[in-house]
Protein backbone atom coordinates (compact mmCIF):
# COMPACT_ATOMS: atom_id res chain seq x y z
CA UNK A 1 21.67 12.36 -11.80
CA UNK A 2 19.71 13.79 -14.38
CA UNK A 3 15.87 13.34 -13.89
CA UNK A 4 15.65 12.23 -17.28
CA UNK A 5 18.08 9.09 -16.85
CA UNK A 6 16.63 5.58 -16.43
CA UNK A 7 19.03 5.07 -13.40
CA UNK A 8 17.53 8.28 -11.88
CA UNK A 9 13.96 7.17 -12.30
CA UNK A 10 14.73 3.96 -10.59
CA UNK A 11 16.36 5.38 -7.59
CA UNK A 12 13.21 7.63 -7.47
CA UNK A 13 11.05 4.55 -7.48
CA UNK A 14 13.34 2.75 -5.07
CA UNK A 15 13.12 5.83 -2.58
CA UNK A 16 9.50 6.30 -3.00
CA UNK A 17 8.67 2.41 -2.25
CA UNK A 18 10.95 2.69 0.82
CA UNK A 19 9.26 6.08 1.78
CA UNK A 20 5.77 4.20 1.26
CA UNK A 21 6.83 1.17 3.27
CA UNK A 22 8.08 3.06 6.10
CA UNK A 23 4.92 5.00 6.40
CA UNK A 24 2.08 2.97 5.63
CA UNK A 25 0.75 3.73 9.00
CA UNK A 26 0.39 7.64 8.42
CA UNK A 27 -1.67 9.50 6.04
CA UNK A 28 -0.06 9.39 2.59
CA UNK A 29 -0.39 11.26 -0.36
CA UNK A 30 1.34 11.14 -3.90
CA UNK A 31 2.45 14.65 -3.15
CA UNK A 32 3.97 13.75 0.06
CA UNK A 33 5.82 11.06 -1.49
CA UNK A 34 7.27 13.15 -4.29
CA UNK A 35 8.23 16.00 -1.96
CA UNK A 36 10.29 13.18 -0.04
CA UNK A 37 11.57 11.98 -3.32
CA UNK A 38 12.37 15.54 -4.17
CA UNK A 39 10.53 15.51 -7.69
CA UNK A 40 7.34 16.87 -9.32
CA UNK A 41 4.16 14.70 -8.54
CA UNK A 42 3.38 14.43 -12.36
CA UNK A 43 7.03 12.97 -13.03
CA UNK A 44 6.66 10.47 -10.15
CA UNK A 45 3.07 9.18 -11.45
CA UNK A 46 4.67 8.82 -14.95
CA UNK A 47 7.69 7.00 -14.07
CA UNK A 48 6.12 4.89 -11.40
CA UNK A 49 3.75 3.55 -13.88
CA UNK A 50 5.95 3.06 -16.43
CA UNK A 51 8.32 1.08 -14.19
CA UNK A 52 5.96 -0.58 -12.00
CA UNK A 53 2.94 -1.49 -13.78
CA UNK A 54 0.64 0.55 -11.54
CA UNK A 55 0.02 4.09 -10.44
CA UNK A 56 1.61 5.20 -7.51
CA UNK A 57 -1.67 5.53 -5.81
CA UNK A 58 -2.94 1.96 -6.59
CA UNK A 59 0.77 0.79 -5.20
CA UNK A 60 0.16 2.88 -1.72
CA UNK A 61 -3.40 1.00 -1.62
CA UNK A 62 -2.05 -2.20 -1.91
CA UNK A 63 0.84 -1.84 0.42
CA UNK A 64 -1.71 -0.64 3.16
CA UNK A 65 -4.06 -3.44 2.52
CA UNK A 66 -0.93 -5.90 2.58
CA UNK A 67 -0.33 -4.58 5.99
CA UNK A 68 -3.77 -5.08 7.10
CA UNK A 69 -3.90 -8.67 5.79
CA UNK A 70 -0.50 -8.98 7.97
CA UNK A 71 -2.23 -7.58 10.95
CA UNK A 72 -5.37 -9.37 10.74
CA UNK A 73 -3.47 -12.78 10.49
CA UNK A 74 -1.04 -12.02 13.30
CA UNK A 75 -2.58 -9.80 15.79
CA UNK A 76 -5.66 -9.44 18.06
CA UNK A 77 -6.57 -6.27 16.40
CA UNK A 78 -10.24 -5.48 15.34
CA UNK A 79 -11.12 -4.15 11.92
CA UNK A 80 -11.88 -0.67 13.33
CA UNK A 81 -8.43 -0.38 14.80
CA UNK A 82 -6.60 -1.82 11.91
CA UNK A 83 -8.52 0.74 9.79
CA UNK A 84 -7.79 3.42 12.26
CA UNK A 85 -3.89 2.35 12.19
CA UNK A 86 -3.55 2.63 8.60
CA UNK A 87 -5.32 5.80 8.42
CA UNK A 88 -8.34 5.20 6.16
CA UNK A 89 -11.15 7.84 6.66
CA UNK A 90 -13.57 5.14 7.96
CA UNK A 91 -14.19 1.48 8.42
CA UNK A 92 -16.47 1.47 5.67
CA UNK A 93 -13.69 2.71 3.18
CA UNK A 94 -11.37 0.37 4.45
CA UNK A 95 -13.59 -2.39 4.12
CA UNK A 96 -14.42 -1.35 0.44
CA UNK A 97 -10.34 -0.63 -0.23
CA UNK A 98 -9.89 -4.42 0.99
CA UNK A 99 -12.57 -6.10 -0.98
CA UNK A 100 -11.35 -4.27 -4.22
CA UNK A 101 -7.71 -5.44 -3.58
CA UNK A 102 -8.57 -8.88 -2.22
CA UNK A 103 -11.88 -9.37 -3.47
CA UNK A 104 -12.97 -10.44 -0.11
CA UNK A 105 -13.97 -8.39 2.89
CA UNK A 106 -11.82 -8.11 5.76
CA UNK A 107 -14.71 -9.32 8.22
CA UNK A 108 -14.83 -12.73 6.61
CA UNK A 109 -11.27 -13.15 6.83
CA UNK A 110 -11.34 -12.19 10.27
CA UNK A 111 -14.27 -14.65 11.00
CA UNK A 112 -12.06 -17.47 9.12
CA UNK A 113 -9.02 -16.69 10.93
CA UNK A 114 -10.86 -17.07 14.52
CA UNK A 115 -12.17 -20.46 13.33
CA UNK A 116 -9.33 -21.60 11.66
CA UNK A 117 -5.59 -21.45 10.56
CA UNK A 118 -6.32 -19.90 7.23
CA UNK A 119 -3.51 -18.17 5.67
CA UNK A 120 -3.82 -14.81 3.92
CA UNK A 121 -2.71 -14.78 -0.05
CA UNK A 122 0.05 -11.99 -0.70
CA UNK A 123 -1.63 -9.22 -3.06
CA UNK A 124 -0.07 -8.68 -6.59
CA UNK A 125 1.91 -5.49 -5.28
CA UNK A 126 5.28 -5.26 -7.48
CA UNK A 127 8.39 -6.21 -5.63
CA UNK A 128 11.63 -4.79 -6.23
CA UNK A 129 13.71 -7.51 -5.42
């Protein structure tokens, strides 16, 4: 397939999103994803934004926050452990990123989950299905 064809772009995005999903617990950069998919970083940025409606960096962050929400709801892990497992630079960076995506701090969710059976809503990460 030629890189300029729509089918190729869709295949690159599919491969990129699968790689992100399978590697959320690792430090991920756009360059890592582009290298894995086999295309230039700038091309990946462009086609991702066109097809998915968000930047690839935003998509990576959203997927990490989705994983964090699941861990908060389904495990006994502390916020510091979750932040570390998802390779955030610090708990503070994780908390700010979490709030940016969900509008609520993870500590508040953790507190609510301990006191009741609150379900965490899914974020608006684009779905390829």
